């Protein structure tokens, strides 16, 4: 229980830390609200938007936008709601820092996850934000680990365990019935690996400064 408390408390801003400026914070929530609005609007548009934007292996060469647009359409209302909830949870808990950096990370994850599906010939079609969402959590955990917050290794381990179960374990019939289709665990894997790589390569920034100040104070 103590580890769990430490894990969730570790993300709180340290004493004397400026989380982000007011303008940055407004920009951050405008970005999140915009992403949620896009998902909701495309879900409202129904089957025509889904057919036009989903990843379809046989059409990607002629319609390359599907590599990115597939992440913004969903199999059904529950699928959309679950990913919107996941995005909001990530934004509230882990979405600290520059909204421009996160926008660039999200764009990169959309492109890499969509393109990475070519490595799996058995995946003929795909839709949903979950691959990018796994990437965002992996990015945030890895970025904090690089900044010295090793407690977030627990997050990476939990994410790895979840993906291992999805890839090697039996399919979750209840979850697939809820979202209205098959869970494409390979997309989660691609997104998480890409997010982890970006998080480890990205400049630690604010998080590293906080760790340095804490070390100096002690």
C-alpha atoms as a PDB file:
ATOM      1  CA  UNK A   1       0.000   0.000   0.000  1.00  0.00           C
ATOM      2  CA  UNK A   2       2.862   2.387   0.791  1.00  0.00           C
ATOM      3  CA  UNK A   3       4.319   1.839  -2.690  1.00  0.00           C
ATOM      4  CA  UNK A   4       0.948   2.701  -4.233  1.00  0.00           C
ATOM      5  CA  UNK A   5       0.702   5.929  -2.223  1.00  0.00           C
ATOM      6  CA  UNK A   6       4.265   6.862  -3.163  1.00  0.00           C
ATOM      7  CA  UNK A   7       3.596   6.115  -6.826  1.00  0.00           C
ATOM      8  CA  UNK A   8       0.593   8.436  -7.029  1.00  0.00           C
ATOM      9  CA  UNK A   9       2.171  11.105  -4.825  1.00  0.00           C
ATOM     10  CA  UNK A  10       5.359  11.190  -6.913  1.00  0.00           C
ATOM     11  CA  UNK A  11       3.625  13.104  -9.675  1.00  0.00           C
ATOM     12  CA  UNK A  12       2.667  16.030  -7.442  1.00  0.00           C
ATOM     13  CA  UNK A  13       4.678  19.206  -8.056  1.00  0.00           C
ATOM     14  CA  UNK A  14       7.478  19.689  -5.564  1.00  0.00           C
ATOM     15  CA  UNK A  15       7.531  22.622  -3.158  1.00  0.00           C
ATOM     16  CA  UNK A  16       8.508  25.799  -4.992  1.00  0.00           C
ATOM     17  CA  UNK A  17       8.008  24.258  -8.440  1.00  0.00           C
ATOM     18  CA  UNK A  18       6.142  26.209 -11.081  1.00  0.00           C
ATOM     19  CA  UNK A  19       3.979  23.532 -12.737  1.00  0.00           C
ATOM     20  CA  UNK A  20       3.373  25.530 -15.902  1.00  0.00           C
ATOM     21  CA  UNK A  21       2.514  29.140 -16.674  1.00  0.00           C
ATOM     22  CA  UNK A  22      -1.128  30.178 -16.898  1.00  0.00           C
ATOM     23  CA  UNK A  23      -0.870  30.463 -20.689  1.00  0.00           C
ATOM     24  CA  UNK A  24       0.711  27.011 -20.954  1.00  0.00           C
ATOM     25  CA  UNK A  25      -1.973  25.513 -18.757  1.00  0.00           C
ATOM     26  CA  UNK A  26      -4.738  27.062 -20.864  1.00  0.00           C
ATOM     27  CA  UNK A  27      -3.023  25.811 -24.007  1.00  0.00           C
ATOM     28  CA  UNK A  28      -2.743  22.339 -22.490  1.00  0.00           C
ATOM     29  CA  UNK A  29      -6.432  22.049 -21.670  1.00  0.00           C
ATOM     30  CA  UNK A  30      -7.388  23.551 -25.031  1.00  0.00           C
ATOM     31  CA  UNK A  31      -5.360  20.762 -26.674  1.00  0.00           C
ATOM     32  CA  UNK A  32      -7.041  18.060 -24.586  1.00  0.00           C
ATOM     33  CA  UNK A  33     -10.518  19.524 -25.139  1.00  0.00           C
ATOM     34  CA  UNK A  34      -9.858  19.709 -28.865  1.00  0.00           C
ATOM     35  CA  UNK A  35      -8.799  16.060 -29.009  1.00  0.00           C
ATOM     36  CA  UNK A  36     -11.878  14.954 -27.078  1.00  0.00           C
ATOM     37  CA  UNK A  37     -14.090  17.068 -29.343  1.00  0.00           C
ATOM     38  CA  UNK A  38     -12.598  15.495 -32.479  1.00  0.00           C
ATOM     39  CA  UNK A  39     -13.246  11.972 -31.173  1.00  0.00           C
ATOM     40  CA  UNK A  40     -16.798  12.862 -30.161  1.00  0.00           C
ATOM     41  CA  UNK A  41     -17.580  14.611 -33.451  1.00  0.00           C
ATOM     42  CA  UNK A  42     -16.277  11.731 -35.562  1.00  0.00           C
ATOM     43  CA  UNK A  43     -18.231   9.251 -33.460  1.00  0.00           C
ATOM     44  CA  UNK A  44     -21.361  11.343 -34.008  1.00  0.00           C
ATOM     45  CA  UNK A  45     -20.702  11.264 -37.778  1.00  0.00           C
ATOM     46  CA  UNK A  46     -21.102   7.495 -37.621  1.00  0.00           C
ATOM     47  CA  UNK A  47     -20.261   4.835 -40.243  1.00  0.00           C
ATOM     48  CA  UNK A  48     -19.327   7.240 -43.088  1.00  0.00           C
ATOM     49  CA  UNK A  49     -16.521   8.792 -41.024  1.00  0.00           C
ATOM     50  CA  UNK A  50     -15.415   5.376 -39.785  1.00  0.00           C
ATOM     51  CA  UNK A  51     -15.247   3.975 -43.324  1.00  0.00           C
ATOM     52  CA  UNK A  52     -13.336   7.003 -44.613  1.00  0.00           C
ATOM     53  CA  UNK A  53     -10.775   7.288 -41.812  1.00  0.00           C
ATOM     54  CA  UNK A  54     -10.057   3.833 -40.358  1.00  0.00           C
ATOM     55  CA  UNK A  55      -6.821   1.985 -41.120  1.00  0.00           C
ATOM     56  CA  UNK A  56      -7.477  -0.427 -43.968  1.00  0.00           C
ATOM     57  CA  UNK A  57      -4.379  -2.204 -45.188  1.00  0.00           C
ATOM     58  CA  UNK A  58      -5.479  -2.508 -48.791  1.00  0.00           C
ATOM     59  CA  UNK A  59      -6.257   1.208 -49.097  1.00  0.00           C
ATOM     60  CA  UNK A  60      -3.404   2.858 -47.198  1.00  0.00           C
ATOM     61  CA  UNK A  61      -1.090   3.188 -50.207  1.00  0.00           C
ATOM     62  CA  UNK A  62      -3.734   5.168 -52.088  1.00  0.00           C
ATOM     63  CA  UNK A  63      -5.127   6.902 -48.986  1.00  0.00           C
ATOM     64  CA  UNK A  64      -2.149   7.407 -46.646  1.00  0.00           C
ATOM     65  CA  UNK A  65      -4.046   9.684 -44.254  1.00  0.00           C
ATOM     66  CA  UNK A  66      -5.599   6.542 -42.768  1.00  0.00           C
ATOM     67  CA  UNK A  67      -2.305   5.855 -40.950  1.00  0.00           C
ATOM     68  CA  UNK A  68      -3.026   8.867 -38.716  1.00  0.00           C
ATOM     69  CA  UNK A  69      -6.793   9.310 -38.966  1.00  0.00           C
ATOM     70  CA  UNK A  70      -7.521   5.739 -37.817  1.00  0.00           C
ATOM     71  CA  UNK A  71      -6.722   6.711 -34.237  1.00  0.00           C
ATOM     72  CA  UNK A  72      -9.573   9.221 -34.081  1.00  0.00           C
ATOM     73  CA  UNK A  73     -12.471   6.977 -35.104  1.00  0.00           C
ATOM     74  CA  UNK A  74     -13.843   4.101 -33.055  1.00  0.00           C
ATOM     75  CA  UNK A  75     -15.766   0.866 -33.353  1.00  0.00           C
ATOM     76  CA  UNK A  76     -18.707   2.188 -31.369  1.00  0.00           C
ATOM     77  CA  UNK A  77     -19.867   4.518 -28.629  1.00  0.00           C
ATOM     78  CA  UNK A  78     -18.386   2.471 -25.769  1.00  0.00           C
ATOM     79  CA  UNK A  79     -15.056   2.149 -27.548  1.00  0.00           C
ATOM     80  CA  UNK A  80     -14.971   5.915 -28.022  1.00  0.00           C
ATOM     81  CA  UNK A  81     -16.038   6.614 -24.426  1.00  0.00           C
ATOM     82  CA  UNK A  82     -13.365   4.315 -22.985  1.00  0.00           C
ATOM     83  CA  UNK A  83     -10.588   5.987 -24.968  1.00  0.00           C
ATOM     84  CA  UNK A  84     -11.877   9.465 -24.154  1.00  0.00           C
ATOM     85  CA  UNK A  85     -11.897   8.514 -20.482  1.00  0.00           C
ATOM     86  CA  UNK A  86      -8.378   7.131 -20.751  1.00  0.00           C
ATOM     87  CA  UNK A  87      -7.145  10.302 -22.441  1.00  0.00           C
ATOM     88  CA  UNK A  88      -8.743  12.473 -19.767  1.00  0.00           C
ATOM     89  CA  UNK A  89      -7.238  10.338 -16.979  1.00  0.00           C
ATOM     90  CA  UNK A  90      -3.787  10.644 -18.556  1.00  0.00           C
ATOM     91  CA  UNK A  91      -4.209  14.406 -19.004  1.00  0.00           C
ATOM     92  CA  UNK A  92      -5.234  14.978 -15.377  1.00  0.00           C
ATOM     93  CA  UNK A  93      -2.614  12.717 -13.804  1.00  0.00           C
ATOM     94  CA  UNK A  94       0.401  12.791 -16.101  1.00  0.00           C
ATOM     95  CA  UNK A  95      -0.085  15.663 -18.521  1.00  0.00           C
ATOM     96  CA  UNK A  96       2.236  18.212 -16.956  1.00  0.00           C
ATOM     97  CA  UNK A  97       4.521  20.438 -18.997  1.00  0.00           C
ATOM     98  CA  UNK A  98       4.501  22.078 -22.405  1.00  0.00           C
ATOM     99  CA  UNK A  99       1.369  21.491 -24.458  1.00  0.00           C
ATOM    100  CA  UNK A 100       3.429  21.987 -27.621  1.00  0.00           C
ATOM    101  CA  UNK A 101       5.766  19.149 -26.655  1.00  0.00           C
ATOM    102  CA  UNK A 102       2.818  16.874 -25.933  1.00  0.00           C
ATOM    103  CA  UNK A 103       1.140  17.817 -29.218  1.00  0.00           C
ATOM    104  CA  UNK A 104       4.338  16.809 -31.035  1.00  0.00           C
ATOM    105  CA  UNK A 105       4.501  13.543 -29.071  1.00  0.00           C
ATOM    106  CA  UNK A 106       0.868  12.748 -29.897  1.00  0.00           C
ATOM    107  CA  UNK A 107       1.440  13.459 -33.593  1.00  0.00           C
ATOM    108  CA  UNK A 108       4.525  11.225 -33.595  1.00  0.00           C
ATOM    109  CA  UNK A 109       2.684   8.417 -31.819  1.00  0.00           C
ATOM    110  CA  UNK A 110      -0.194   8.585 -34.297  1.00  0.00           C
ATOM    111  CA  UNK A 111       2.206   8.308 -37.237  1.00  0.00           C
ATOM    112  CA  UNK A 112       4.475   5.619 -35.769  1.00  0.00           C
ATOM    113  CA  UNK A 113       1.653   3.450 -34.416  1.00  0.00           C
ATOM    114  CA  UNK A 114      -0.275   3.603 -37.676  1.00  0.00           C
ATOM    115  CA  UNK A 115       2.788   2.900 -39.806  1.00  0.00           C
ATOM    116  CA  UNK A 116       3.891   0.135 -37.453  1.00  0.00           C
ATOM    117  CA  UNK A 117       0.772  -1.868 -38.257  1.00  0.00           C
ATOM    118  CA  UNK A 118       2.413  -2.723 -41.594  1.00  0.00           C
ATOM    119  CA  UNK A 119       4.727  -5.034 -39.643  1.00  0.00           C
ATOM    120  CA  UNK A 120       1.733  -7.277 -38.913  1.00  0.00           C
ATOM    121  CA  UNK A 121       0.234  -8.555 -42.190  1.00  0.00           C
ATOM    122  CA  UNK A 122      -2.630 -10.195 -40.306  1.00  0.00           C
ATOM    123  CA  UNK A 123      -4.027  -6.817 -39.274  1.00  0.00           C
ATOM    124  CA  UNK A 124      -6.238  -5.763 -42.162  1.00  0.00           C
ATOM    125  CA  UNK A 125      -8.072  -2.937 -40.396  1.00  0.00           C
ATOM    126  CA  UNK A 126      -7.793  -0.926 -37.208  1.00  0.00           C
ATOM    127  CA  UNK A 127      -9.512   1.975 -35.489  1.00  0.00           C
ATOM    128  CA  UNK A 128      -9.238   3.606 -32.086  1.00  0.00           C
ATOM    129  CA  UNK A 129      -7.037   5.763 -29.887  1.00  0.00           C
ATOM    130  CA  UNK A 130      -5.855   2.991 -27.555  1.00  0.00           C
ATOM    131  CA  UNK A 131      -2.504   2.416 -29.285  1.00  0.00           C
ATOM    132  CA  UNK A 132      -1.655   6.106 -28.948  1.00  0.00           C
ATOM    133  CA  UNK A 133      -2.989   6.097 -25.383  1.00  0.00           C
ATOM    134  CA  UNK A 134      -0.630   3.276 -24.396  1.00  0.00           C
ATOM    135  CA  UNK A 135       2.126   5.330 -25.996  1.00  0.00           C
ATOM    136  CA  UNK A 136       1.216   8.419 -23.964  1.00  0.00           C
ATOM    137  CA  UNK A 137       1.314   6.536 -20.677  1.00  0.00           C
ATOM    138  CA  UNK A 138       4.618   4.891 -21.643  1.00  0.00           C
ATOM    139  CA  UNK A 139       6.055   8.258 -22.675  1.00  0.00           C
ATOM    140  CA  UNK A 140       5.035   9.930 -19.410  1.00  0.00           C
ATOM    141  CA  UNK A 141       6.350   7.092 -17.243  1.00  0.00           C
ATOM    142  CA  UNK A 142       9.658   6.840 -19.145  1.00  0.00           C
ATOM    143  CA  UNK A 143      10.119  10.616 -19.192  1.00  0.00           C
ATOM    144  CA  UNK A 144       9.759  10.758 -15.401  1.00  0.00           C
ATOM    145  CA  UNK A 145      12.105   7.799 -14.914  1.00  0.00           C
ATOM    146  CA  UNK A 146      14.747   9.609 -16.961  1.00  0.00           C
ATOM    147  CA  UNK A 147      14.228  12.700 -14.803  1.00  0.00           C
ATOM    148  CA  UNK A 148      15.093  10.625 -11.721  1.00  0.00           C
ATOM    149  CA  UNK A 149      11.642   9.571 -10.494  1.00  0.00           C
ATOM    150  CA  UNK A 150      12.344   5.854 -10.439  1.00  0.00           C
ATOM    151  CA  UNK A 151       9.037   5.063  -8.767  1.00  0.00           C
ATOM    152  CA  UNK A 152       7.487   5.403 -12.241  1.00  0.00           C
ATOM    153  CA  UNK A 153       9.264   2.200 -13.238  1.00  0.00           C
ATOM    154  CA  UNK A 154       6.246   0.580 -11.574  1.00  0.00           C
ATOM    155  CA  UNK A 155       4.053   2.193 -14.205  1.00  0.00           C
ATOM    156  CA  UNK A 156       6.201   0.846 -17.035  1.00  0.00           C
ATOM    157  CA  UNK A 157       6.184  -2.622 -15.478  1.00  0.00           C
ATOM    158  CA  UNK A 158       2.406  -2.558 -15.073  1.00  0.00           C
ATOM    159  CA  UNK A 159       2.021  -1.459 -18.685  1.00  0.00           C
ATOM    160  CA  UNK A 160       4.357  -4.245 -19.853  1.00  0.00           C
ATOM    161  CA  UNK A 161       2.436  -6.839 -17.827  1.00  0.00           C
ATOM    162  CA  UNK A 162      -0.859  -5.647 -19.275  1.00  0.00           C
ATOM    163  CA  UNK A 163       0.440  -5.902 -22.846  1.00  0.00           C
ATOM    164  CA  UNK A 164       2.029  -9.300 -22.228  1.00  0.00           C
ATOM    165  CA  UNK A 165      -1.326 -10.609 -21.039  1.00  0.00           C
ATOM    166  CA  UNK A 166      -3.106  -9.142 -24.069  1.00  0.00           C
ATOM    167  CA  UNK A 167      -0.586 -10.675 -26.479  1.00  0.00           C
ATOM    168  CA  UNK A 168      -0.122 -14.084 -24.868  1.00  0.00           C
ATOM    169  CA  UNK A 169      -3.279 -14.606 -22.840  1.00  0.00           C
ATOM    170  CA  UNK A 170      -6.775 -15.562 -23.973  1.00  0.00           C
ATOM    171  CA  UNK A 171      -8.871 -12.821 -25.594  1.00  0.00           C
ATOM    172  CA  UNK A 172     -11.165 -10.907 -23.267  1.00  0.00           C
ATOM    173  CA  UNK A 173     -14.577 -11.743 -24.687  1.00  0.00           C
ATOM    174  CA  UNK A 174     -16.312  -9.329 -22.324  1.00  0.00           C
ATOM    175  CA  UNK A 175     -14.087  -6.425 -23.343  1.00  0.00           C
ATOM    176  CA  UNK A 176     -14.384  -7.236 -27.034  1.00  0.00           C
ATOM    177  CA  UNK A 177     -18.169  -7.412 -26.709  1.00  0.00           C
ATOM    178  CA  UNK A 178     -18.146  -4.023 -24.989  1.00  0.00           C
ATOM    179  CA  UNK A 179     -16.071  -2.240 -27.641  1.00  0.00           C
ATOM    180  CA  UNK A 180     -17.710  -4.068 -30.536  1.00  0.00           C
ATOM    181  CA  UNK A 181     -14.644  -5.694 -32.077  1.00  0.00           C
ATOM    182  CA  UNK A 182     -11.303  -7.426 -31.623  1.00  0.00           C
ATOM    183  CA  UNK A 183      -8.618  -5.909 -29.403  1.00  0.00           C
ATOM    184  CA  UNK A 184      -5.529  -5.239 -31.546  1.00  0.00           C
ATOM    185  CA  UNK A 185      -2.838  -5.722 -28.902  1.00  0.00           C
ATOM    186  CA  UNK A 186      -0.093  -5.199 -31.480  1.00  0.00           C
ATOM    187  CA  UNK A 187      -1.123  -1.542 -31.780  1.00  0.00           C
ATOM    188  CA  UNK A 188      -0.786  -1.190 -28.010  1.00  0.00           C
ATOM    189  CA  UNK A 189       2.698  -2.706 -28.217  1.00  0.00           C
ATOM    190  CA  UNK A 190       3.819  -0.403 -31.036  1.00  0.00           C
ATOM    191  CA  UNK A 191       2.464   2.663 -29.271  1.00  0.00           C
ATOM    192  CA  UNK A 192       4.021   1.756 -25.932  1.00  0.00           C
ATOM    193  CA  UNK A 193       7.448   1.025 -27.428  1.00  0.00           C
ATOM    194  CA  UNK A 194       7.378   4.285 -29.376  1.00  0.00           C
ATOM    195  CA  UNK A 195       6.236   6.255 -26.330  1.00  0.00           C
ATOM    196  CA  UNK A 196       8.908   4.714 -24.132  1.00  0.00           C
ATOM    197  CA  UNK A 197      11.618   5.508 -26.689  1.00  0.00           C
ATOM    198  CA  UNK A 198      10.473   9.124 -27.035  1.00  0.00           C
ATOM    199  CA  UNK A 199      10.263   9.516 -23.262  1.00  0.00           C
ATOM    200  CA  UNK A 200      13.793   8.241 -22.735  1.00  0.00           C
ATOM    201  CA  UNK A 201      15.222  10.419 -25.510  1.00  0.00           C
ATOM    202  CA  UNK A 202      13.334  13.624 -24.694  1.00  0.00           C
ATOM    203  CA  UNK A 203      14.971  16.338 -22.616  1.00  0.00           C
ATOM    204  CA  UNK A 204      13.785  15.877 -19.009  1.00  0.00           C
ATOM    205  CA  UNK A 205      13.160  19.601 -18.530  1.00  0.00           C
ATOM    206  CA  UNK A 206      11.046  20.556 -15.505  1.00  0.00           C
ATOM    207  CA  UNK A 207      11.071  17.096 -13.963  1.00  0.00           C
ATOM    208  CA  UNK A 208      14.874  16.946 -13.937  1.00  0.00           C
ATOM    209  CA  UNK A 209      15.110  20.437 -12.433  1.00  0.00           C
ATOM    210  CA  UNK A 210      12.811  19.383  -9.605  1.00  0.00           C
ATOM    211  CA  UNK A 211      14.961  16.344  -8.822  1.00  0.00           C
ATOM    212  CA  UNK A 212      18.095  18.529  -8.911  1.00  0.00           C
ATOM    213  CA  UNK A 213      16.570  21.111  -6.545  1.00  0.00           C
ATOM    214  CA  UNK A 214      15.471  18.394  -4.156  1.00  0.00           C
ATOM    215  CA  UNK A 215      18.989  16.917  -4.154  1.00  0.00           C
ATOM    216  CA  UNK A 216      20.553  20.342  -3.519  1.00  0.00           C
ATOM    217  CA  UNK A 217      18.171  21.008  -0.650  1.00  0.00           C
ATOM    218  CA  UNK A 218      19.083  17.743   1.050  1.00  0.00           C
END
